[in-house]
Amino acid sequence: MRYCTCATVLLFAMAVSPAAWGVSPTAEELTEDWQAVAGDLLGDYYPLLPYCLDDAAWIAWQFDQPEAGRGAVQVFRRSKSPQKSIRLKLHGLDPAARYVLVNRDRAGTTELTGRELMDPGLAVTLNDQPCAAIFAYRRVP
């Protein structure tokens, strides 16, 4: 299924002050993040955790472009979440393919198989409360 979610994501980003998430990104950094994942936001949408407004709950979703072999994951640790880490089972990937992941907040890349990303899943650690992360991924040819 395809969802047009750009407006929703933009409204969410505008409604939440970056300072409230413990970060002070520059306009250049925000633009780079947007450019890295903007095309993927029109892909298949998978909620990775149940929708919940509880300040102790994490929330995460995935946008996948199966034809292009790429996508993005957005993860949010809310202000009262006691968990620093979570594992997210991704969807729609080729189990036999290898994928390169980039955490937009950290240097370097990680390479995992589609099978590893779907089960046991992507391990995410966010030490700050609240905090957010964006992961971009692409299939290795």
N, C-alpha and C. Protein backbone atom coordinates (compact mmCIF):
# COMPACT_ATOMS: atom_id res chain seq x y z
N MET A 1 0.83 -1.17 0.00
CA MET A 1 0.00 0.00 0.00
C MET A 1 0.88 1.24 0.00
N ARG A 2 0.40 2.27 -0.62
CA ARG A 2 1.14 3.53 -0.71
C ARG A 2 0.40 4.61 0.06
N TYR A 3 1.14 5.41 0.78
CA TYR A 3 0.56 6.51 1.54
C TYR A 3 1.33 7.78 1.21
N CYS A 4 0.62 8.85 1.07
CA CYS A 4 1.27 10.14 0.90
C CYS A 4 1.38 10.77 2.28
N THR A 5 2.56 10.74 2.86
CA THR A 5 2.72 11.15 4.25
C THR A 5 3.60 12.37 4.43
N CYS A 6 4.07 12.95 3.36
CA CYS A 6 4.98 14.10 3.50
C CYS A 6 4.36 15.20 4.35
N ALA A 7 3.11 15.55 4.09
CA ALA A 7 2.48 16.63 4.84
C ALA A 7 2.38 16.27 6.32
N THR A 8 2.03 15.03 6.62
CA THR A 8 1.92 14.60 8.01
C THR A 8 3.26 14.70 8.71
N VAL A 9 4.31 14.22 8.06
CA VAL A 9 5.64 14.26 8.66
C VAL A 9 6.10 15.70 8.85
N LEU A 10 5.84 16.55 7.87
CA LEU A 10 6.22 17.95 7.99
C LEU A 10 5.48 18.63 9.14
N LEU A 11 4.18 18.37 9.25
CA LEU A 11 3.41 18.97 10.34
C LEU A 11 3.90 18.49 11.69
N PHE A 12 4.23 17.19 11.79
CA PHE A 12 4.75 16.65 13.05
C PHE A 12 6.08 17.33 13.38
N ALA A 13 6.96 17.45 12.41
CA ALA A 13 8.27 18.05 12.64
C ALA A 13 8.13 19.52 13.04
N MET A 14 7.17 20.23 12.45
CA MET A 14 6.99 21.63 12.78
C MET A 14 6.35 21.80 14.16
N ALA A 15 5.52 20.84 14.57
CA ALA A 15 4.82 20.95 15.85
C ALA A 15 5.75 20.67 17.02
N VAL A 16 6.82 19.93 16.77
CA VAL A 16 7.75 19.57 17.85
C VAL A 16 9.02 20.38 17.69
N SER A 17 9.30 21.20 18.64
CA SER A 17 10.51 22.02 18.60
C SER A 17 11.74 21.11 18.70
N PRO A 18 12.76 21.29 17.85
CA PRO A 18 13.98 20.49 17.97
C PRO A 18 14.59 20.58 19.36
N ALA A 19 14.49 21.74 20.01
CA ALA A 19 15.06 21.88 21.35
C ALA A 19 14.34 20.98 22.35
N ALA A 20 13.05 20.72 22.12
CA ALA A 20 12.30 19.83 23.01
C ALA A 20 12.81 18.40 22.93
N TRP A 21 13.47 18.06 21.82
CA TRP A 21 14.01 16.70 21.65
C TRP A 21 15.48 16.65 22.02
N GLY A 22 15.99 17.70 22.64
CA GLY A 22 17.36 17.67 23.14
C GLY A 22 18.42 17.90 22.07
N VAL A 23 18.03 18.46 20.95
CA VAL A 23 18.98 18.72 19.87
C VAL A 23 18.84 20.16 19.40
N SER A 24 19.88 20.68 18.83
CA SER A 24 19.84 22.00 18.24
C SER A 24 20.47 21.94 16.85
N PRO A 25 19.78 21.29 15.92
CA PRO A 25 20.35 21.16 14.58
C PRO A 25 20.37 22.49 13.83
N THR A 26 21.35 22.63 12.97
CA THR A 26 21.40 23.81 12.13
C THR A 26 20.46 23.62 10.96
N ALA A 27 20.16 24.70 10.27
CA ALA A 27 19.31 24.61 9.08
C ALA A 27 19.95 23.70 8.04
N GLU A 28 21.26 23.76 7.94
CA GLU A 28 21.96 22.92 6.97
C GLU A 28 21.80 21.43 7.32
N GLU A 29 21.92 21.10 8.61
CA GLU A 29 21.77 19.70 9.03
C GLU A 29 20.35 19.21 8.78
N LEU A 30 19.36 20.04 9.08
CA LEU A 30 17.97 19.66 8.84
C LEU A 30 17.71 19.46 7.35
N THR A 31 18.28 20.32 6.53
CA THR A 31 18.12 20.19 5.08
C THR A 31 18.77 18.91 4.58
N GLU A 32 19.96 18.58 5.08
CA GLU A 32 20.63 17.35 4.69
C GLU A 32 19.82 16.11 5.08
N ASP A 33 19.27 16.12 6.29
CA ASP A 33 18.43 15.01 6.73
C ASP A 33 17.21 14.86 5.83
N TRP A 34 16.56 15.99 5.55
CA TRP A 34 15.38 15.97 4.70
C TRP A 34 15.71 15.42 3.32
N GLN A 35 16.79 15.91 2.71
CA GLN A 35 17.17 15.47 1.38
C GLN A 35 17.53 13.98 1.35
N ALA A 36 18.08 13.47 2.44
CA ALA A 36 18.49 12.06 2.50
C ALA A 36 17.30 11.11 2.50
N VAL A 37 16.16 11.54 3.02
CA VAL A 37 15.03 10.61 3.15
C VAL A 37 13.74 11.08 2.48
N ALA A 38 13.70 12.27 1.93
CA ALA A 38 12.46 12.83 1.39
C ALA A 38 11.80 11.92 0.37
N GLY A 39 12.56 11.36 -0.55
CA GLY A 39 11.99 10.48 -1.57
C GLY A 39 11.39 9.22 -0.99
N ASP A 40 11.92 8.77 0.12
CA ASP A 40 11.43 7.53 0.74
C ASP A 40 10.08 7.73 1.44
N LEU A 41 9.74 8.96 1.77
CA LEU A 41 8.51 9.21 2.50
C LEU A 41 7.26 8.96 1.66
N LEU A 42 7.43 8.73 0.38
CA LEU A 42 6.30 8.39 -0.49
C LEU A 42 6.21 6.89 -0.70
N GLY A 43 7.05 6.14 -0.02
CA GLY A 43 7.05 4.68 -0.16
C GLY A 43 6.01 4.01 0.70
N ASP A 44 6.14 2.69 0.80
CA ASP A 44 5.25 1.91 1.65
C ASP A 44 5.47 2.31 3.11
N TYR A 45 4.38 2.45 3.84
CA TYR A 45 4.43 2.90 5.23
C TYR A 45 4.13 1.73 6.15
N TYR A 46 5.00 1.53 7.15
CA TYR A 46 4.80 0.49 8.14
C TYR A 46 4.95 1.08 9.54
N PRO A 47 3.90 1.10 10.34
CA PRO A 47 4.09 1.47 11.73
C PRO A 47 4.86 0.34 12.41
N LEU A 48 5.93 0.65 13.11
CA LEU A 48 6.77 -0.37 13.74
C LEU A 48 6.39 -0.62 15.19
N LEU A 49 5.64 0.29 15.77
CA LEU A 49 5.14 0.16 17.14
C LEU A 49 3.69 0.63 17.14
N PRO A 50 2.90 0.17 18.09
CA PRO A 50 1.51 0.62 18.15
C PRO A 50 1.42 2.13 18.39
N TYR A 51 0.41 2.74 17.79
CA TYR A 51 0.19 4.17 17.99
C TYR A 51 -0.21 4.40 19.44
N CYS A 52 0.45 5.36 20.08
CA CYS A 52 0.20 5.62 21.50
C CYS A 52 0.65 7.04 21.83
N LEU A 53 -0.11 7.73 22.64
CA LEU A 53 0.25 9.09 23.05
C LEU A 53 0.92 9.13 24.43
N ASP A 54 1.12 7.99 25.04
CA ASP A 54 1.74 7.90 26.37
C ASP A 54 3.17 8.44 26.32
N ASP A 55 3.52 9.32 27.25
CA ASP A 55 4.87 9.90 27.30
C ASP A 55 5.94 8.88 27.67
N ALA A 56 5.52 7.69 28.09
CA ALA A 56 6.49 6.64 28.44
C ALA A 56 6.71 5.67 27.28
N ALA A 57 5.99 5.85 26.19
CA ALA A 57 6.06 4.93 25.06
C ALA A 57 6.96 5.46 23.95
N TRP A 58 7.63 4.55 23.27
CA TRP A 58 8.36 4.88 22.04
C TRP A 58 7.35 4.83 20.89
N ILE A 59 7.71 5.50 19.79
CA ILE A 59 6.93 5.40 18.57
C ILE A 59 7.92 5.35 17.41
N ALA A 60 7.60 4.56 16.40
CA ALA A 60 8.52 4.41 15.26
C ALA A 60 7.74 3.96 14.03
N TRP A 61 8.24 4.37 12.86
CA TRP A 61 7.65 3.94 11.60
C TRP A 61 8.72 3.82 10.54
N GLN A 62 8.36 3.10 9.50
CA GLN A 62 9.28 2.81 8.39
C GLN A 62 8.61 3.21 7.08
N PHE A 63 9.40 3.79 6.20
CA PHE A 63 8.99 4.06 4.83
C PHE A 63 9.90 3.25 3.93
N ASP A 64 9.32 2.43 3.06
CA ASP A 64 10.13 1.53 2.23
C ASP A 64 9.81 1.72 0.76
N GLN A 65 10.86 1.83 -0.05
CA GLN A 65 10.74 1.90 -1.51
C GLN A 65 11.26 0.56 -2.04
N PRO A 66 10.42 -0.48 -2.11
CA PRO A 66 10.91 -1.81 -2.49
C PRO A 66 11.52 -1.86 -3.89
N GLU A 67 10.97 -1.10 -4.83
CA GLU A 67 11.51 -1.11 -6.19
C GLU A 67 12.92 -0.52 -6.24
N ALA A 68 13.17 0.47 -5.39
CA ALA A 68 14.48 1.14 -5.36
C ALA A 68 15.44 0.48 -4.37
N GLY A 69 14.91 -0.38 -3.49
CA GLY A 69 15.76 -1.04 -2.50
C GLY A 69 16.27 -0.09 -1.44
N ARG A 70 15.44 0.84 -1.04
CA ARG A 70 15.86 1.83 -0.04
C ARG A 70 14.68 2.26 0.81
N GLY A 71 14.99 2.92 1.92
CA GLY A 71 13.93 3.39 2.78
C GLY A 71 14.48 4.16 3.97
N ALA A 72 13.59 4.47 4.90
CA ALA A 72 13.96 5.23 6.09
C ALA A 72 13.13 4.78 7.28
N VAL A 73 13.73 4.91 8.46
CA VAL A 73 13.05 4.60 9.71
C VAL A 73 13.17 5.82 10.62
N GLN A 74 12.05 6.25 11.19
CA GLN A 74 12.05 7.35 12.15
C GLN A 74 11.64 6.78 13.50
N VAL A 75 12.43 7.12 14.54
CA VAL A 75 12.23 6.56 15.88
C VAL A 75 12.19 7.72 16.87
N PHE A 76 11.26 7.64 17.82
CA PHE A 76 11.12 8.67 18.84
C PHE A 76 11.03 8.03 20.22
N ARG A 77 11.95 8.40 21.11
CA ARG A 77 11.87 8.02 22.52
C ARG A 77 11.26 9.22 23.25
N ARG A 78 10.17 8.99 23.91
CA ARG A 78 9.47 10.09 24.56
C ARG A 78 10.05 10.42 25.93
N SER A 79 9.57 11.51 26.50
CA SER A 79 10.18 12.10 27.69
C SER A 79 10.16 11.23 28.95
N LYS A 80 9.24 10.31 29.07
CA LYS A 80 9.17 9.50 30.29
C LYS A 80 9.46 8.02 30.04
N SER A 81 10.03 7.71 28.89
CA SER A 81 10.31 6.31 28.58
C SER A 81 11.48 5.80 29.41
N PRO A 82 11.28 4.72 30.17
CA PRO A 82 12.37 4.18 30.97
C PRO A 82 13.38 3.37 30.15
N GLN A 83 12.98 2.92 28.97
CA GLN A 83 13.86 2.12 28.12
C GLN A 83 14.81 3.00 27.32
N LYS A 84 16.10 2.65 27.33
CA LYS A 84 17.08 3.36 26.51
C LYS A 84 17.22 2.71 25.14
N SER A 85 16.84 1.43 25.05
CA SER A 85 17.01 0.68 23.81
C SER A 85 15.74 -0.05 23.43
N ILE A 86 15.61 -0.27 22.13
CA ILE A 86 14.46 -0.99 21.60
C ILE A 86 14.90 -1.71 20.33
N ARG A 87 14.20 -2.77 19.97
CA ARG A 87 14.49 -3.49 18.74
C ARG A 87 13.25 -3.40 17.86
N LEU A 88 13.45 -2.96 16.62
CA LEU A 88 12.35 -2.73 15.68
C LEU A 88 12.45 -3.70 14.51
N LYS A 89 11.40 -4.48 14.29
CA LYS A 89 11.37 -5.44 13.19
C LYS A 89 10.88 -4.73 11.93
N LEU A 90 11.79 -4.57 10.95
CA LEU A 90 11.45 -3.88 9.72
C LEU A 90 10.62 -4.78 8.81
N HIS A 91 10.00 -4.18 7.79
CA HIS A 91 9.10 -4.90 6.88
C HIS A 91 9.51 -4.68 5.43
N GLY A 92 9.08 -5.60 4.56
CA GLY A 92 9.20 -5.42 3.12
C GLY A 92 10.59 -5.59 2.54
N LEU A 93 11.54 -6.07 3.31
CA LEU A 93 12.91 -6.21 2.82
C LEU A 93 13.13 -7.59 2.20
N ASP A 94 14.14 -7.69 1.36
CA ASP A 94 14.55 -8.98 0.79
C ASP A 94 15.41 -9.68 1.83
N PRO A 95 14.97 -10.82 2.38
CA PRO A 95 15.73 -11.48 3.44
C PRO A 95 17.15 -11.85 3.05
N ALA A 96 17.37 -12.17 1.78
CA ALA A 96 18.70 -12.60 1.32
C ALA A 96 19.62 -11.43 0.97
N ALA A 97 19.07 -10.24 0.81
CA ALA A 97 19.88 -9.08 0.41
C ALA A 97 20.60 -8.48 1.61
N ARG A 98 21.66 -7.74 1.31
CA ARG A 98 22.38 -6.99 2.33
C ARG A 98 21.98 -5.52 2.21
N TYR A 99 21.88 -4.85 3.36
CA TYR A 99 21.49 -3.45 3.40
C TYR A 99 22.51 -2.64 4.18
N VAL A 100 22.82 -1.45 3.68
CA VAL A 100 23.68 -0.51 4.39
C VAL A 100 22.78 0.48 5.10
N LEU A 101 23.00 0.64 6.41
CA LEU A 101 22.22 1.57 7.23
C LEU A 101 23.08 2.75 7.65
N VAL A 102 22.46 3.92 7.65
CA VAL A 102 23.12 5.14 8.10
C VAL A 102 22.23 5.77 9.17
N ASN A 103 22.78 5.95 10.36
CA ASN A 103 22.10 6.72 11.39
C ASN A 103 22.45 8.18 11.09
N ARG A 104 21.46 8.99 10.78
CA ARG A 104 21.70 10.37 10.35
C ARG A 104 22.37 11.22 11.42
N ASP A 105 22.41 10.75 12.67
CA ASP A 105 23.04 11.50 13.76
C ASP A 105 24.45 11.03 14.08
N ARG A 106 24.92 9.99 13.41
CA ARG A 106 26.25 9.45 13.72
C ARG A 106 27.02 9.18 12.44
N ALA A 107 28.33 9.25 12.54
CA ALA A 107 29.19 8.94 11.40
C ALA A 107 29.27 7.43 11.22
N GLY A 108 29.50 7.00 10.00
CA GLY A 108 29.70 5.58 9.72
C GLY A 108 28.43 4.89 9.25
N THR A 109 28.61 3.63 8.85
CA THR A 109 27.50 2.83 8.36
C THR A 109 27.55 1.45 9.01
N THR A 110 26.43 0.75 8.92
CA THR A 110 26.31 -0.62 9.38
C THR A 110 25.73 -1.43 8.24
N GLU A 111 26.20 -2.65 8.05
CA GLU A 111 25.66 -3.51 7.00
C GLU A 111 25.06 -4.76 7.63
N LEU A 112 23.78 -5.01 7.31
CA LEU A 112 23.05 -6.17 7.83
C LEU A 112 22.22 -6.79 6.71
N THR A 113 21.82 -8.04 6.88
CA THR A 113 20.94 -8.67 5.91
C THR A 113 19.50 -8.25 6.16
N GLY A 114 18.68 -8.39 5.14
CA GLY A 114 17.26 -8.13 5.31
C GLY A 114 16.67 -9.02 6.38
N ARG A 115 17.12 -10.26 6.43
CA ARG A 115 16.63 -11.20 7.45
C ARG A 115 16.95 -10.68 8.85
N GLU A 116 18.17 -10.17 9.07
CA GLU A 116 18.56 -9.63 10.37
C GLU A 116 17.73 -8.40 10.74
N LEU A 117 17.42 -7.57 9.76
CA LEU A 117 16.65 -6.35 10.03
C LEU A 117 15.18 -6.65 10.31
N MET A 118 14.70 -7.78 9.78
CA MET A 118 13.31 -8.15 10.03
C MET A 118 13.17 -9.03 11.28
N ASP A 119 14.19 -9.80 11.58
CA ASP A 119 14.16 -10.66 12.77
C ASP A 119 15.58 -11.07 13.11
N PRO A 120 16.18 -10.55 14.15
CA PRO A 120 15.56 -9.96 15.34
C PRO A 120 15.18 -8.49 15.21
N GLY A 121 15.70 -7.77 14.21
CA GLY A 121 15.30 -6.38 14.02
C GLY A 121 16.43 -5.39 14.23
N LEU A 122 16.14 -4.13 13.94
CA LEU A 122 17.09 -3.03 14.08
C LEU A 122 17.18 -2.62 15.54
N ALA A 123 18.37 -2.71 16.11
CA ALA A 123 18.59 -2.29 17.50
C ALA A 123 18.83 -0.79 17.53
N VAL A 124 18.05 -0.09 18.35
CA VAL A 124 18.15 1.36 18.46
C VAL A 124 18.35 1.71 19.93
N THR A 125 19.37 2.53 20.20
CA THR A 125 19.61 3.05 21.55
C THR A 125 19.59 4.57 21.48
N LEU A 126 18.73 5.17 22.30
CA LEU A 126 18.65 6.62 22.42
C LEU A 126 18.79 6.94 23.90
N ASN A 127 19.89 7.56 24.27
CA ASN A 127 20.19 7.80 25.68
C ASN A 127 19.42 8.96 26.29
N ASP A 128 19.07 9.95 25.47
CA ASP A 128 18.40 11.14 25.99
C ASP A 128 16.89 10.94 26.01
N GLN A 129 16.23 11.71 26.88
CA GLN A 129 14.77 11.72 26.97
C GLN A 129 14.29 13.16 26.87
N PRO A 130 13.52 13.53 25.94
CA PRO A 130 13.14 12.78 24.75
C PRO A 130 14.27 12.81 23.73
N CYS A 131 14.15 11.98 22.72
CA CYS A 131 15.19 11.90 21.68
C CYS A 131 14.56 11.29 20.43
N ALA A 132 15.20 11.54 19.30
CA ALA A 132 14.72 11.00 18.03
C ALA A 132 15.90 10.61 17.16
N ALA A 133 15.65 9.70 16.22
CA ALA A 133 16.70 9.28 15.29
C ALA A 133 16.07 8.96 13.94
N ILE A 134 16.85 9.18 12.90
CA ILE A 134 16.46 8.82 11.54
C ILE A 134 17.51 7.87 10.99
N PHE A 135 17.06 6.73 10.48
CA PHE A 135 17.94 5.76 9.84
C PHE A 135 17.55 5.67 8.37
N ALA A 136 18.53 5.81 7.50
CA ALA A 136 18.31 5.59 6.08
C ALA A 136 18.96 4.26 5.72
N TYR A 137 18.36 3.51 4.80
CA TYR A 137 18.96 2.25 4.38
C TYR A 137 18.83 2.08 2.87
N ARG A 138 19.76 1.29 2.33
CA ARG A 138 19.71 0.96 0.91
C ARG A 138 20.25 -0.44 0.70
N ARG A 139 19.67 -1.13 -0.26
CA ARG A 139 20.10 -2.49 -0.60
C ARG A 139 21.44 -2.43 -1.31
N VAL A 140 22.35 -3.33 -0.94
CA VAL A 140 23.67 -3.40 -1.60
C VAL A 140 23.49 -4.18 -2.90
N PRO A 141 23.95 -3.62 -4.03
CA PRO A 141 23.79 -4.32 -5.32
C PRO A 141 24.56 -5.63 -5.38
